[in-house]
N, C-alpha and C. Protein backbone atom coordinates (compact mmCIF):
# COMPACT_ATOMS: atom_id res chain seq x y z
N MET A 1 98.45 67.95 76.86
CA MET A 1 99.82 68.25 76.53
C MET A 1 99.84 69.14 75.29
N ASP A 2 100.46 70.28 75.42
CA ASP A 2 100.55 71.22 74.31
C ASP A 2 101.90 71.07 73.62
N ILE A 3 101.84 70.91 72.28
CA ILE A 3 103.07 70.82 71.49
C ILE A 3 103.26 72.17 70.82
N PRO A 4 104.43 72.76 70.98
CA PRO A 4 104.66 74.06 70.37
C PRO A 4 104.48 73.99 68.85
N VAL A 5 103.89 75.04 68.31
CA VAL A 5 103.62 75.12 66.87
C VAL A 5 104.92 75.01 66.08
N THR A 6 106.00 75.55 66.57
CA THR A 6 107.27 75.49 65.84
C THR A 6 107.75 74.05 65.68
N LYS A 7 107.53 73.20 66.69
CA LYS A 7 107.95 71.80 66.58
C LYS A 7 107.09 71.07 65.56
N VAL A 8 105.80 71.37 65.52
CA VAL A 8 104.91 70.74 64.55
C VAL A 8 105.32 71.16 63.14
N LEU A 9 105.56 72.46 62.96
CA LEU A 9 105.97 72.94 61.64
C LEU A 9 107.31 72.34 61.22
N ALA A 10 108.23 72.23 62.15
CA ALA A 10 109.54 71.64 61.84
C ALA A 10 109.37 70.19 61.41
N ALA A 11 108.52 69.44 62.10
CA ALA A 11 108.29 68.04 61.74
C ALA A 11 107.67 67.92 60.35
N VAL A 12 106.74 68.80 60.03
CA VAL A 12 106.10 68.79 58.72
C VAL A 12 107.12 69.12 57.63
N VAL A 13 107.96 70.12 57.88
CA VAL A 13 108.98 70.51 56.90
C VAL A 13 109.96 69.36 56.68
N VAL A 14 110.41 68.72 57.73
CA VAL A 14 111.35 67.60 57.61
C VAL A 14 110.71 66.45 56.82
N ALA A 15 109.47 66.13 57.12
CA ALA A 15 108.77 65.05 56.41
C ALA A 15 108.60 65.39 54.94
N ALA A 16 108.18 66.61 54.65
CA ALA A 16 107.99 67.03 53.26
C ALA A 16 109.32 67.02 52.51
N PHE A 17 110.37 67.50 53.14
CA PHE A 17 111.69 67.51 52.52
C PHE A 17 112.11 66.08 52.17
N GLY A 18 111.90 65.16 53.10
CA GLY A 18 112.25 63.76 52.86
C GLY A 18 111.48 63.16 51.71
N LEU A 19 110.20 63.47 51.61
CA LEU A 19 109.40 62.93 50.51
C LEU A 19 109.79 63.53 49.17
N VAL A 20 110.04 64.83 49.16
CA VAL A 20 110.37 65.50 47.90
C VAL A 20 111.77 65.12 47.43
N PHE A 21 112.73 65.16 48.32
CA PHE A 21 114.12 64.94 47.91
C PHE A 21 114.63 63.53 48.15
N GLY A 22 114.03 62.82 49.05
CA GLY A 22 114.50 61.47 49.34
C GLY A 22 113.66 60.41 48.67
N GLY A 23 112.46 60.78 48.26
CA GLY A 23 111.58 59.81 47.64
C GLY A 23 111.01 58.86 48.67
N CYS A 24 110.19 58.00 48.20
CA CYS A 24 109.58 57.00 49.05
C CYS A 24 110.42 55.74 48.95
N PRO A 25 110.97 55.24 50.05
CA PRO A 25 111.91 54.14 49.96
C PRO A 25 111.28 52.83 49.49
N THR A 26 109.97 52.68 49.56
CA THR A 26 109.37 51.42 49.16
C THR A 26 108.79 51.46 47.75
N ALA A 27 108.76 52.62 47.12
CA ALA A 27 108.19 52.72 45.77
C ALA A 27 109.31 52.90 44.76
N SER A 28 109.13 52.30 43.60
CA SER A 28 110.11 52.44 42.53
C SER A 28 109.35 52.55 41.22
N ALA A 29 109.61 53.59 40.48
CA ALA A 29 108.92 53.79 39.21
C ALA A 29 109.91 53.70 38.07
N ALA A 30 109.45 53.17 36.96
CA ALA A 30 110.29 53.13 35.76
C ALA A 30 110.47 54.56 35.27
N PRO A 31 111.60 54.84 34.63
CA PRO A 31 111.81 56.20 34.12
C PRO A 31 110.85 56.47 32.95
N THR A 32 110.69 57.73 32.63
CA THR A 32 109.93 58.06 31.42
C THR A 32 110.75 57.62 30.22
N LEU A 33 110.11 57.53 29.07
CA LEU A 33 110.84 57.14 27.86
C LEU A 33 111.96 58.13 27.56
N ASP A 34 111.68 59.43 27.66
CA ASP A 34 112.72 60.43 27.41
C ASP A 34 113.90 60.26 28.37
N ALA A 35 113.62 60.07 29.65
CA ALA A 35 114.69 59.91 30.64
C ALA A 35 115.48 58.63 30.37
N PHE A 36 114.78 57.55 30.03
CA PHE A 36 115.44 56.28 29.73
C PHE A 36 116.39 56.45 28.55
N LEU A 37 115.89 57.03 27.45
CA LEU A 37 116.72 57.22 26.27
C LEU A 37 117.88 58.17 26.54
N ALA A 38 117.63 59.23 27.30
CA ALA A 38 118.68 60.21 27.59
C ALA A 38 119.83 59.60 28.37
N ASP A 39 119.53 58.64 29.25
CA ASP A 39 120.56 58.03 30.09
C ASP A 39 121.35 56.92 29.40
N LEU A 40 120.86 56.42 28.27
CA LEU A 40 121.51 55.26 27.64
C LEU A 40 122.99 55.46 27.31
N PRO A 41 123.42 56.59 26.74
CA PRO A 41 124.85 56.71 26.44
C PRO A 41 125.75 56.50 27.65
N SER A 42 125.44 57.14 28.77
CA SER A 42 126.30 56.98 29.95
C SER A 42 126.16 55.59 30.56
N GLU A 43 124.94 55.04 30.54
CA GLU A 43 124.73 53.70 31.09
C GLU A 43 125.49 52.66 30.27
N PHE A 44 125.42 52.76 28.94
CA PHE A 44 126.11 51.79 28.09
C PHE A 44 127.62 51.98 28.16
N ALA A 45 128.08 53.22 28.22
CA ALA A 45 129.53 53.47 28.30
C ALA A 45 130.10 52.86 29.57
N ALA A 46 129.32 52.85 30.65
CA ALA A 46 129.79 52.29 31.92
C ALA A 46 129.65 50.77 31.98
N ALA A 47 128.82 50.19 31.12
CA ALA A 47 128.56 48.75 31.17
C ALA A 47 129.78 47.96 30.69
N GLU A 48 130.19 46.99 31.48
CA GLU A 48 131.36 46.19 31.14
C GLU A 48 131.00 44.79 30.66
N SER A 49 129.71 44.45 30.67
CA SER A 49 129.30 43.12 30.23
C SER A 49 127.93 43.19 29.58
N ALA A 50 127.63 42.14 28.81
CA ALA A 50 126.30 42.05 28.19
C ALA A 50 125.23 42.01 29.27
N GLY A 51 125.51 41.37 30.39
CA GLY A 51 124.55 41.32 31.49
C GLY A 51 124.23 42.70 32.03
N GLN A 52 125.22 43.57 32.11
CA GLN A 52 124.97 44.93 32.59
C GLN A 52 124.12 45.72 31.59
N VAL A 53 124.35 45.52 30.30
CA VAL A 53 123.52 46.19 29.29
C VAL A 53 122.09 45.66 29.37
N ARG A 54 121.95 44.35 29.53
CA ARG A 54 120.60 43.77 29.67
C ARG A 54 119.89 44.33 30.90
N ALA A 55 120.62 44.56 31.97
CA ALA A 55 120.02 45.14 33.19
C ALA A 55 119.54 46.56 32.93
N VAL A 56 120.30 47.33 32.17
CA VAL A 56 119.87 48.69 31.81
C VAL A 56 118.57 48.62 31.01
N VAL A 57 118.52 47.74 30.03
CA VAL A 57 117.33 47.59 29.19
C VAL A 57 116.14 47.10 30.02
N ALA A 58 116.39 46.27 31.01
CA ALA A 58 115.31 45.76 31.87
C ALA A 58 114.63 46.88 32.66
N SER A 59 115.32 48.01 32.83
CA SER A 59 114.74 49.13 33.58
C SER A 59 113.89 50.05 32.70
N ALA A 60 113.71 49.68 31.44
CA ALA A 60 112.97 50.53 30.50
C ALA A 60 111.51 50.70 30.91
N PRO A 61 110.91 51.82 30.55
CA PRO A 61 109.49 52.00 30.84
C PRO A 61 108.63 51.02 30.03
N ASP A 62 107.38 50.91 30.42
CA ASP A 62 106.48 49.92 29.83
C ASP A 62 106.30 50.07 28.32
N GLU A 63 106.42 51.28 27.78
CA GLU A 63 106.18 51.45 26.34
C GLU A 63 107.34 50.96 25.49
N VAL A 64 108.41 50.48 26.11
CA VAL A 64 109.55 49.91 25.38
C VAL A 64 109.41 48.39 25.39
N SER A 65 109.39 47.81 24.19
CA SER A 65 109.41 46.35 24.11
C SER A 65 110.80 45.94 23.62
N SER A 66 111.25 44.78 24.05
CA SER A 66 112.60 44.36 23.67
C SER A 66 112.62 42.89 23.27
N THR A 67 113.55 42.58 22.39
CA THR A 67 113.82 41.22 21.95
C THR A 67 115.32 41.02 22.08
N ASP A 68 115.72 39.90 22.62
CA ASP A 68 117.15 39.60 22.81
C ASP A 68 117.46 38.31 22.07
N THR A 69 118.20 38.42 20.97
CA THR A 69 118.57 37.22 20.21
C THR A 69 120.02 36.83 20.43
N GLY A 70 120.68 37.50 21.38
CA GLY A 70 122.05 37.15 21.70
C GLY A 70 122.09 35.86 22.50
N THR A 71 123.19 35.16 22.42
CA THR A 71 123.36 33.93 23.19
C THR A 71 124.66 34.01 23.97
N GLY A 72 124.67 33.38 25.14
CA GLY A 72 125.87 33.38 25.96
C GLY A 72 126.32 34.79 26.27
N GLY A 73 127.56 35.08 25.95
CA GLY A 73 128.10 36.41 26.24
C GLY A 73 127.86 37.43 25.15
N THR A 74 127.25 37.01 24.02
CA THR A 74 127.00 37.97 22.94
C THR A 74 125.73 38.76 23.22
N LEU A 75 125.66 39.91 22.64
CA LEU A 75 124.52 40.79 22.86
C LEU A 75 123.93 41.19 21.52
N ASN A 76 122.63 41.01 21.37
CA ASN A 76 121.91 41.45 20.17
C ASN A 76 120.48 41.78 20.59
N LEU A 77 120.30 43.02 21.04
CA LEU A 77 119.00 43.48 21.53
C LEU A 77 118.33 44.38 20.51
N GLN A 78 117.01 44.24 20.39
CA GLN A 78 116.22 45.15 19.58
C GLN A 78 115.16 45.75 20.50
N LEU A 79 115.11 47.07 20.54
CA LEU A 79 114.11 47.78 21.33
C LEU A 79 113.16 48.49 20.38
N GLN A 80 111.88 48.48 20.70
CA GLN A 80 110.88 49.22 19.95
C GLN A 80 110.14 50.12 20.93
N PHE A 81 109.79 51.32 20.47
CA PHE A 81 109.07 52.27 21.32
C PHE A 81 108.31 53.25 20.43
N PRO A 82 107.39 54.02 21.03
CA PRO A 82 106.65 55.02 20.24
C PRO A 82 107.62 56.00 19.58
N PRO A 83 107.26 56.52 18.41
CA PRO A 83 108.15 57.43 17.68
C PRO A 83 108.63 58.61 18.52
N GLN A 84 109.94 58.86 18.41
CA GLN A 84 110.58 59.99 19.09
C GLN A 84 111.27 60.84 18.04
N ASP A 85 111.27 62.13 18.23
CA ASP A 85 111.91 63.06 17.30
C ASP A 85 113.41 62.76 17.22
N ALA A 86 113.90 62.50 16.03
CA ALA A 86 115.33 62.20 15.86
C ALA A 86 116.19 63.38 16.27
N ALA A 87 115.73 64.60 16.02
CA ALA A 87 116.51 65.79 16.40
C ALA A 87 116.71 65.84 17.92
N TRP A 88 115.69 65.43 18.67
CA TRP A 88 115.82 65.39 20.13
C TRP A 88 116.90 64.39 20.53
N LEU A 89 116.87 63.19 19.92
CA LEU A 89 117.86 62.16 20.25
C LEU A 89 119.27 62.62 19.87
N VAL A 90 119.40 63.23 18.70
CA VAL A 90 120.70 63.74 18.24
C VAL A 90 121.26 64.74 19.24
N THR A 91 120.43 65.66 19.69
CA THR A 91 120.86 66.69 20.64
C THR A 91 121.15 66.08 22.00
N THR A 92 120.27 65.23 22.48
CA THR A 92 120.42 64.63 23.81
C THR A 92 121.65 63.74 23.88
N TRP A 93 121.89 62.97 22.84
CA TRP A 93 123.05 62.09 22.81
C TRP A 93 124.32 62.80 22.34
N ARG A 94 124.22 64.07 21.97
CA ARG A 94 125.35 64.87 21.49
C ARG A 94 126.06 64.21 20.30
N LEU A 95 125.25 63.75 19.36
CA LEU A 95 125.81 63.09 18.17
C LEU A 95 126.34 64.15 17.21
N VAL A 96 127.54 63.93 16.72
CA VAL A 96 128.19 64.86 15.81
C VAL A 96 128.05 64.32 14.38
N ARG A 97 127.42 65.12 13.53
CA ARG A 97 127.21 64.82 12.12
C ARG A 97 126.45 63.51 11.90
N PRO A 98 125.24 63.43 12.44
CA PRO A 98 124.42 62.23 12.25
C PRO A 98 123.75 62.22 10.87
N TYR A 99 123.69 61.05 10.28
CA TYR A 99 123.03 60.88 8.98
C TYR A 99 122.07 59.70 9.06
N ALA A 100 121.02 59.77 8.27
CA ALA A 100 120.11 58.65 8.09
C ALA A 100 120.46 57.98 6.77
N ILE A 101 120.64 56.66 6.81
CA ILE A 101 120.91 55.91 5.59
C ILE A 101 120.01 54.68 5.55
N ALA A 102 119.74 54.21 4.34
CA ALA A 102 118.93 53.00 4.17
C ALA A 102 119.81 51.78 4.36
N THR A 103 119.20 50.72 4.88
CA THR A 103 119.95 49.48 5.12
C THR A 103 119.57 48.37 4.16
N ASP A 104 118.66 48.66 3.24
CA ASP A 104 118.24 47.62 2.30
C ASP A 104 118.13 48.24 0.90
N PRO A 105 118.17 47.41 -0.15
CA PRO A 105 118.18 47.95 -1.51
C PRO A 105 116.89 48.69 -1.90
N HIS A 106 115.79 48.38 -1.24
CA HIS A 106 114.52 49.05 -1.55
C HIS A 106 114.31 50.30 -0.71
N GLN A 107 115.26 50.60 0.16
CA GLN A 107 115.24 51.78 1.02
C GLN A 107 113.96 51.85 1.87
N LEU A 108 113.64 50.73 2.49
CA LEU A 108 112.49 50.66 3.39
C LEU A 108 112.91 50.72 4.85
N SER A 109 114.15 50.37 5.13
CA SER A 109 114.66 50.33 6.50
C SER A 109 115.77 51.38 6.65
N TRP A 110 115.59 52.30 7.60
CA TRP A 110 116.51 53.43 7.77
C TRP A 110 117.12 53.42 9.16
N ARG A 111 118.39 53.80 9.25
CA ARG A 111 119.08 53.85 10.53
C ARG A 111 119.90 55.12 10.64
N VAL A 112 120.35 55.41 11.85
CA VAL A 112 121.17 56.59 12.11
C VAL A 112 122.63 56.15 12.26
N VAL A 113 123.51 56.83 11.56
CA VAL A 113 124.96 56.58 11.63
C VAL A 113 125.65 57.93 11.75
N LEU A 114 126.96 57.90 11.92
CA LEU A 114 127.74 59.13 12.05
C LEU A 114 128.68 59.31 10.86
N TYR A 115 128.80 60.55 10.42
CA TYR A 115 129.74 60.90 9.35
C TYR A 115 131.14 60.51 9.79
N GLN A 116 131.88 59.90 8.87
CA GLN A 116 133.27 59.55 9.17
C GLN A 116 134.23 60.37 8.30
N GLN A 117 133.98 60.38 6.99
CA GLN A 117 134.84 61.16 6.10
C GLN A 117 134.21 61.30 4.72
N GLN A 118 134.69 62.28 3.98
CA GLN A 118 134.29 62.47 2.59
C GLN A 118 135.03 61.43 1.76
N VAL A 119 134.37 60.88 0.75
CA VAL A 119 134.97 59.88 -0.12
C VAL A 119 134.98 60.44 -1.55
N ALA A 120 136.11 60.30 -2.22
CA ALA A 120 136.21 60.80 -3.60
C ALA A 120 135.21 60.06 -4.49
N ASP A 121 134.44 60.83 -5.25
CA ASP A 121 133.46 60.25 -6.16
C ASP A 121 133.24 61.24 -7.31
N PRO A 122 133.55 60.84 -8.54
CA PRO A 122 133.39 61.76 -9.67
C PRO A 122 131.93 62.09 -9.97
N ASN A 123 131.00 61.32 -9.42
CA ASN A 123 129.57 61.53 -9.72
C ASN A 123 128.85 62.40 -8.71
N GLY A 124 129.51 62.81 -7.65
CA GLY A 124 128.83 63.63 -6.65
C GLY A 124 129.46 63.52 -5.28
N SER A 125 128.69 63.87 -4.29
CA SER A 125 129.18 63.87 -2.92
C SER A 125 128.88 62.53 -2.24
N ARG A 126 129.93 61.87 -1.80
CA ARG A 126 129.81 60.56 -1.15
C ARG A 126 130.53 60.62 0.19
N ILE A 127 129.93 60.00 1.21
CA ILE A 127 130.56 59.97 2.53
C ILE A 127 130.68 58.54 3.03
N ALA A 128 131.66 58.35 3.89
CA ALA A 128 131.77 57.10 4.65
C ALA A 128 131.16 57.38 6.01
N THR A 129 130.50 56.38 6.57
CA THR A 129 129.85 56.55 7.86
C THR A 129 130.32 55.48 8.83
N ALA A 130 130.06 55.71 10.10
CA ALA A 130 130.43 54.76 11.15
C ALA A 130 129.25 54.60 12.10
N PRO A 131 129.18 53.46 12.77
CA PRO A 131 128.08 53.26 13.72
C PRO A 131 128.29 54.11 14.98
N ILE A 132 127.23 54.27 15.73
CA ILE A 132 127.28 54.97 17.01
C ILE A 132 127.73 53.97 18.06
N THR A 133 128.74 54.35 18.85
CA THR A 133 129.19 53.46 19.92
C THR A 133 129.24 54.21 21.24
N PHE A 134 128.90 53.49 22.29
CA PHE A 134 129.04 53.97 23.67
C PHE A 134 129.79 52.87 24.41
N GLY A 135 131.05 53.14 24.74
CA GLY A 135 131.87 52.10 25.34
C GLY A 135 132.10 51.00 24.30
N SER A 136 131.86 49.76 24.69
CA SER A 136 132.05 48.62 23.79
C SER A 136 130.81 48.29 22.97
N TRP A 137 129.76 49.07 23.12
CA TRP A 137 128.45 48.71 22.58
C TRP A 137 128.08 49.57 21.37
N THR A 138 127.63 48.93 20.32
CA THR A 138 127.15 49.62 19.12
C THR A 138 125.65 49.81 19.26
N VAL A 139 125.21 51.04 19.11
CA VAL A 139 123.79 51.37 19.25
C VAL A 139 123.31 51.96 17.92
N THR A 140 122.34 51.30 17.31
CA THR A 140 121.82 51.73 16.02
C THR A 140 120.37 52.18 16.15
N PRO A 141 120.13 53.48 16.14
CA PRO A 141 118.74 53.95 16.13
C PRO A 141 118.07 53.62 14.79
N ARG A 142 116.88 53.07 14.87
CA ARG A 142 116.08 52.74 13.68
C ARG A 142 115.01 53.81 13.48
N LEU A 143 114.84 54.21 12.24
CA LEU A 143 113.88 55.27 11.93
C LEU A 143 112.55 54.69 11.45
N GLU A 144 111.53 55.50 11.59
CA GLU A 144 110.17 55.13 11.16
C GLU A 144 110.11 54.95 9.64
N GLY A 145 110.94 55.64 8.93
CA GLY A 145 110.96 55.58 7.47
C GLY A 145 111.96 56.60 6.94
N ARG A 146 111.88 56.83 5.66
CA ARG A 146 112.76 57.82 5.02
C ARG A 146 112.51 59.19 5.64
N PRO A 147 113.57 59.95 5.94
CA PRO A 147 113.36 61.30 6.46
C PRO A 147 112.56 62.16 5.47
N ALA A 148 111.83 63.10 6.00
CA ALA A 148 111.01 63.99 5.17
C ALA A 148 111.90 64.98 4.43
N GLY A 149 111.44 65.41 3.28
CA GLY A 149 112.16 66.43 2.52
C GLY A 149 112.67 65.92 1.19
N ASP A 150 113.27 66.83 0.45
CA ASP A 150 113.82 66.50 -0.86
C ASP A 150 115.00 65.54 -0.72
N MET A 151 115.24 64.78 -1.77
CA MET A 151 116.37 63.85 -1.80
C MET A 151 117.68 64.64 -1.66
N PRO A 152 118.57 64.21 -0.75
CA PRO A 152 119.84 64.93 -0.59
C PRO A 152 120.79 64.63 -1.75
N ASP A 153 121.81 65.48 -1.89
CA ASP A 153 122.83 65.29 -2.92
C ASP A 153 123.99 64.43 -2.43
N VAL A 154 123.88 63.90 -1.23
CA VAL A 154 124.94 63.12 -0.60
C VAL A 154 124.50 61.66 -0.53
N VAL A 155 125.44 60.74 -0.79
CA VAL A 155 125.15 59.32 -0.66
C VAL A 155 126.18 58.66 0.26
N SER A 156 125.77 57.54 0.82
CA SER A 156 126.66 56.67 1.59
C SER A 156 126.39 55.27 1.08
N GLY A 157 127.41 54.66 0.47
CA GLY A 157 127.15 53.40 -0.22
C GLY A 157 126.25 53.71 -1.40
N ALA A 158 125.18 52.93 -1.55
CA ALA A 158 124.24 53.16 -2.64
C ALA A 158 123.03 53.99 -2.21
N ALA A 159 122.97 54.35 -0.94
CA ALA A 159 121.78 55.03 -0.40
C ALA A 159 121.99 56.53 -0.24
N PRO A 160 120.90 57.30 -0.39
CA PRO A 160 121.00 58.71 -0.05
C PRO A 160 121.32 58.85 1.43
N ALA A 161 122.07 59.88 1.77
CA ALA A 161 122.45 60.12 3.17
C ALA A 161 121.83 61.44 3.61
N TYR A 162 120.86 61.35 4.51
CA TYR A 162 120.13 62.53 4.99
C TYR A 162 120.81 63.07 6.24
N ASP A 163 121.24 64.31 6.19
CA ASP A 163 121.84 64.98 7.34
C ASP A 163 120.72 65.24 8.35
N LEU A 164 120.77 64.58 9.50
CA LEU A 164 119.68 64.69 10.47
C LEU A 164 119.68 66.00 11.25
N THR A 165 120.64 66.88 10.98
CA THR A 165 120.54 68.22 11.55
C THR A 165 119.68 69.11 10.65
N ARG A 166 119.35 68.61 9.45
CA ARG A 166 118.55 69.39 8.50
C ARG A 166 117.25 68.71 8.08
N TYR A 167 117.18 67.40 8.20
CA TYR A 167 115.99 66.66 7.76
C TYR A 167 115.27 66.06 8.97
N PRO A 168 113.95 66.25 9.06
CA PRO A 168 113.21 65.66 10.18
C PRO A 168 113.00 64.15 9.99
N ALA A 169 113.06 63.44 11.09
CA ALA A 169 112.83 61.99 11.08
C ALA A 169 112.39 61.58 12.49
N ARG A 170 111.89 60.33 12.60
CA ARG A 170 111.46 59.84 13.90
C ARG A 170 112.09 58.48 14.18
N VAL A 171 112.62 58.35 15.38
CA VAL A 171 113.25 57.11 15.83
C VAL A 171 112.18 56.23 16.47
N VAL A 172 112.14 54.95 16.08
CA VAL A 172 111.14 54.03 16.62
C VAL A 172 111.76 52.82 17.31
N GLY A 173 113.08 52.75 17.33
CA GLY A 173 113.71 51.61 17.98
C GLY A 173 115.22 51.73 17.98
N LEU A 174 115.83 50.80 18.69
CA LEU A 174 117.29 50.73 18.78
C LEU A 174 117.72 49.29 18.61
N GLU A 175 118.86 49.10 17.98
CA GLU A 175 119.53 47.81 17.98
C GLU A 175 120.80 48.00 18.78
N ILE A 176 121.07 47.08 19.69
CA ILE A 176 122.23 47.18 20.56
C ILE A 176 123.03 45.90 20.42
N ALA A 177 124.30 46.04 20.06
CA ALA A 177 125.17 44.88 19.88
C ALA A 177 126.49 45.16 20.57
N GLY A 178 127.17 44.09 20.91
CA GLY A 178 128.44 44.24 21.60
C GLY A 178 129.53 43.44 20.94
N PRO A 179 130.68 43.39 21.58
CA PRO A 179 131.80 42.62 21.05
C PRO A 179 131.38 41.18 20.79
N GLY A 180 131.76 40.66 19.65
CA GLY A 180 131.45 39.28 19.32
C GLY A 180 130.05 39.07 18.77
N SER A 181 129.31 40.15 18.61
CA SER A 181 127.93 40.01 18.10
C SER A 181 127.91 40.04 16.59
């Protein structure tokens, strides 16, 4: 029995198309770290419950470790992952006027916040900041340490405020909290 070459080629093309564009229905791979982080704003904005946020975090790639100290309906997740360029996260998440500020008096712990407004201060430039939110969820990127470069002339609270569009830094984790946390 001879099968026309055109039918064989058509079958190969259909099979290849299905594999390339349809994927393999029995295989499922975790996203890359970049893809996982890039999708978080839309995933969290769409999440209506702590359980839905936990499900998003459960899909993280292997290099992400997580701790959940929330109870019941409250959410308090900490994610840790290999260092990522803060500028990449700022651009990917479309953060407007992101700053790095210290969260402790010894300035050992640094986080990313958003500029809210200028605050009158006779001693220099002071700003008020606000947390990053996606939907009902507050997401706090944690930095590896103080951003590189000279000390800025801007402060938020008692800490220097580093404009992350000008100072390099690396994100090593996220804290995720929700209503009632």
